Amino acid sequence: MPKQKTHKGMKRRFRVTASGKAKHRSAFRGHLLSHKNSKRKRGLRQDGVVDGAEAKKIVAALRPCS
């Protein structure tokens, strides 16, 4: 039986925390930052946490053996 492989696209976009949650980088932070105010950009610095059914799919794709 072949081994399941980690999904490489998800590996680049998400990280699994020690407690098993999926973290992602905030959107709207890549470019066109000059017109966004400092408060908004500062808020976008924090990583977001995925919840619900999507989180289970992401964790399963990143940890295929579990």
N, C-alpha and C. Protein backbone atom coordinates (compact mmCIF):
# COMPACT_ATOMS: atom_id res chain seq x y z
N MET A 1 0.85 -1.19 0.00
CA MET A 1 0.00 0.00 0.00
C MET A 1 0.89 1.24 0.00
N PRO A 2 0.70 2.16 -0.96
CA PRO A 2 1.54 3.35 -0.98
C PRO A 2 1.20 4.31 0.16
N LYS A 3 2.19 5.10 0.53
CA LYS A 3 1.99 6.08 1.61
C LYS A 3 1.20 7.28 1.08
N GLN A 4 0.41 7.88 1.98
CA GLN A 4 -0.27 9.13 1.64
C GLN A 4 0.74 10.26 1.72
N LYS A 5 0.62 11.21 0.81
CA LYS A 5 1.57 12.31 0.78
C LYS A 5 0.94 13.60 1.31
N THR A 6 1.78 14.45 1.88
CA THR A 6 1.33 15.75 2.34
C THR A 6 0.95 16.60 1.14
N HIS A 7 -0.13 17.36 1.25
CA HIS A 7 -0.56 18.24 0.17
C HIS A 7 0.36 19.45 0.15
N LYS A 8 1.17 19.59 -0.89
CA LYS A 8 2.21 20.62 -0.93
C LYS A 8 1.65 22.03 -1.00
N GLY A 9 0.51 22.21 -1.64
CA GLY A 9 -0.10 23.54 -1.70
C GLY A 9 -0.56 23.99 -0.32
N MET A 10 -1.13 23.09 0.44
CA MET A 10 -1.57 23.42 1.80
C MET A 10 -0.38 23.61 2.73
N LYS A 11 0.68 22.87 2.47
CA LYS A 11 1.88 23.00 3.29
C LYS A 11 2.45 24.42 3.22
N ARG A 12 2.31 25.05 2.05
CA ARG A 12 2.82 26.42 1.86
C ARG A 12 1.91 27.46 2.49
N ARG A 13 0.63 27.16 2.63
CA ARG A 13 -0.34 28.16 3.07
C ARG A 13 -0.75 28.05 4.53
N PHE A 14 -0.60 26.87 5.12
CA PHE A 14 -1.09 26.65 6.48
C PHE A 14 -0.01 26.02 7.35
N ARG A 15 -0.14 26.23 8.66
CA ARG A 15 0.72 25.56 9.64
C ARG A 15 -0.16 24.97 10.72
N VAL A 16 0.21 23.82 11.23
CA VAL A 16 -0.54 23.21 12.32
C VAL A 16 0.17 23.54 13.62
N THR A 17 -0.57 24.08 14.58
CA THR A 17 0.01 24.45 15.86
C THR A 17 0.20 23.20 16.72
N ALA A 18 0.85 23.38 17.87
CA ALA A 18 1.11 22.26 18.77
C ALA A 18 -0.19 21.66 19.31
N SER A 19 -1.22 22.50 19.44
CA SER A 19 -2.51 22.00 19.94
C SER A 19 -3.39 21.44 18.83
N GLY A 20 -2.89 21.45 17.58
CA GLY A 20 -3.61 20.83 16.48
C GLY A 20 -4.49 21.76 15.67
N LYS A 21 -4.38 23.08 15.91
CA LYS A 21 -5.17 24.04 15.14
C LYS A 21 -4.42 24.41 13.86
N ALA A 22 -5.17 24.84 12.84
CA ALA A 22 -4.57 25.26 11.58
C ALA A 22 -4.49 26.78 11.55
N LYS A 23 -3.31 27.32 11.30
CA LYS A 23 -3.09 28.76 11.19
C LYS A 23 -2.88 29.14 9.74
N HIS A 24 -3.32 30.35 9.38
CA HIS A 24 -3.11 30.85 8.03
C HIS A 24 -2.70 32.31 8.08
N ARG A 25 -2.03 32.78 7.04
CA ARG A 25 -1.64 34.17 6.92
C ARG A 25 -2.86 34.99 6.52
N SER A 26 -2.95 36.21 7.03
CA SER A 26 -4.08 37.07 6.69
C SER A 26 -4.03 37.49 5.23
N ALA A 27 -5.20 37.59 4.63
CA ALA A 27 -5.31 38.08 3.26
C ALA A 27 -5.17 39.60 3.24
N PHE A 28 -5.03 40.17 2.04
CA PHE A 28 -4.92 41.61 1.82
C PHE A 28 -3.65 42.21 2.41
N ARG A 29 -2.59 41.44 2.47
CA ARG A 29 -1.34 41.92 3.07
C ARG A 29 -0.18 41.85 2.09
N GLY A 30 -0.41 41.37 0.88
CA GLY A 30 0.67 41.14 -0.06
C GLY A 30 1.15 42.38 -0.79
N HIS A 31 0.21 43.24 -1.23
CA HIS A 31 0.59 44.42 -2.01
C HIS A 31 -0.53 45.45 -1.88
N LEU A 32 -0.34 46.60 -2.53
CA LEU A 32 -1.28 47.73 -2.45
C LEU A 32 -1.51 48.16 -1.00
N LEU A 33 -0.42 48.33 -0.28
CA LEU A 33 -0.52 48.64 1.15
C LEU A 33 -0.51 50.14 1.43
N SER A 34 -0.18 50.96 0.44
CA SER A 34 0.00 52.39 0.70
C SER A 34 -1.30 53.09 1.09
N HIS A 35 -2.43 52.65 0.55
CA HIS A 35 -3.68 53.32 0.89
C HIS A 35 -4.37 52.73 2.12
N LYS A 36 -3.87 51.62 2.64
CA LYS A 36 -4.45 51.03 3.85
C LYS A 36 -3.83 51.71 5.07
N ASN A 37 -4.65 51.99 6.06
CA ASN A 37 -4.12 52.70 7.21
C ASN A 37 -3.34 51.76 8.13
N SER A 38 -2.56 52.35 9.03
CA SER A 38 -1.65 51.58 9.87
C SER A 38 -2.38 50.61 10.77
N LYS A 39 -3.53 51.04 11.29
CA LYS A 39 -4.31 50.18 12.19
C LYS A 39 -4.75 48.91 11.47
N ARG A 40 -5.18 49.09 10.23
CA ARG A 40 -5.64 47.94 9.43
C ARG A 40 -4.48 46.99 9.13
N LYS A 41 -3.33 47.55 8.75
CA LYS A 41 -2.17 46.71 8.43
C LYS A 41 -1.65 45.98 9.67
N ARG A 42 -1.69 46.67 10.79
CA ARG A 42 -1.24 46.06 12.04
C ARG A 42 -2.14 44.88 12.42
N GLY A 43 -3.44 45.03 12.20
CA GLY A 43 -4.37 43.95 12.47
C GLY A 43 -4.18 42.75 11.56
N LEU A 44 -3.71 43.01 10.34
CA LEU A 44 -3.51 41.94 9.37
C LEU A 44 -2.20 41.18 9.60
N ARG A 45 -1.35 41.69 10.51
CA ARG A 45 -0.08 40.99 10.77
C ARG A 45 -0.29 39.66 11.47
N GLN A 46 -1.31 39.57 12.33
CA GLN A 46 -1.54 38.34 13.07
C GLN A 46 -2.05 37.24 12.14
N ASP A 47 -1.65 36.03 12.46
CA ASP A 47 -2.15 34.88 11.72
C ASP A 47 -3.57 34.56 12.17
N GLY A 48 -4.39 34.14 11.23
CA GLY A 48 -5.74 33.72 11.56
C GLY A 48 -5.78 32.23 11.86
N VAL A 49 -6.82 31.81 12.57
CA VAL A 49 -6.99 30.40 12.90
C VAL A 49 -8.22 29.89 12.15
N VAL A 50 -8.06 28.78 11.47
CA VAL A 50 -9.16 28.17 10.73
C VAL A 50 -9.97 27.33 11.70
N ASP A 51 -11.30 27.37 11.57
CA ASP A 51 -12.12 26.56 12.46
C ASP A 51 -13.18 25.80 11.65
N GLY A 52 -13.83 24.88 12.30
CA GLY A 52 -14.90 24.13 11.67
C GLY A 52 -14.41 22.97 10.82
N ALA A 53 -15.23 22.62 9.84
CA ALA A 53 -14.95 21.46 8.99
C ALA A 53 -13.71 21.69 8.12
N GLU A 54 -13.48 22.95 7.72
CA GLU A 54 -12.31 23.25 6.90
C GLU A 54 -11.02 22.94 7.65
N ALA A 55 -11.00 23.23 8.95
CA ALA A 55 -9.80 22.98 9.76
C ALA A 55 -9.48 21.49 9.79
N LYS A 56 -10.50 20.67 9.88
CA LYS A 56 -10.28 19.22 9.91
C LYS A 56 -9.68 18.74 8.59
N LYS A 57 -10.17 19.29 7.49
CA LYS A 57 -9.64 18.91 6.17
C LYS A 57 -8.17 19.32 6.03
N ILE A 58 -7.87 20.53 6.51
CA ILE A 58 -6.50 21.05 6.39
C ILE A 58 -5.54 20.23 7.23
N VAL A 59 -5.92 19.95 8.46
CA VAL A 59 -5.05 19.16 9.35
C VAL A 59 -4.88 17.75 8.79
N ALA A 60 -5.93 17.20 8.21
CA ALA A 60 -5.83 15.87 7.62
C ALA A 60 -4.89 15.86 6.42
N ALA A 61 -4.91 16.94 5.63
CA ALA A 61 -4.04 17.02 4.45
C ALA A 61 -2.57 17.23 4.84
N LEU A 62 -2.36 17.90 5.99
CA LEU A 62 -1.00 18.18 6.42
C LEU A 62 -0.42 17.05 7.27
N ARG A 63 -1.28 16.28 7.90
CA ARG A 63 -0.84 15.12 8.69
C ARG A 63 -1.57 13.89 8.18
N PRO A 64 -1.17 13.38 7.05
CA PRO A 64 -1.93 12.29 6.44
C PRO A 64 -1.87 10.98 7.21
N CYS A 65 -0.86 10.79 8.04
CA CYS A 65 -0.73 9.53 8.76
C CYS A 65 -1.68 9.41 9.94
N SER A 66 -2.13 10.55 10.49
CA SER A 66 -2.97 10.49 11.68
C SER A 66 -4.43 10.28 11.33
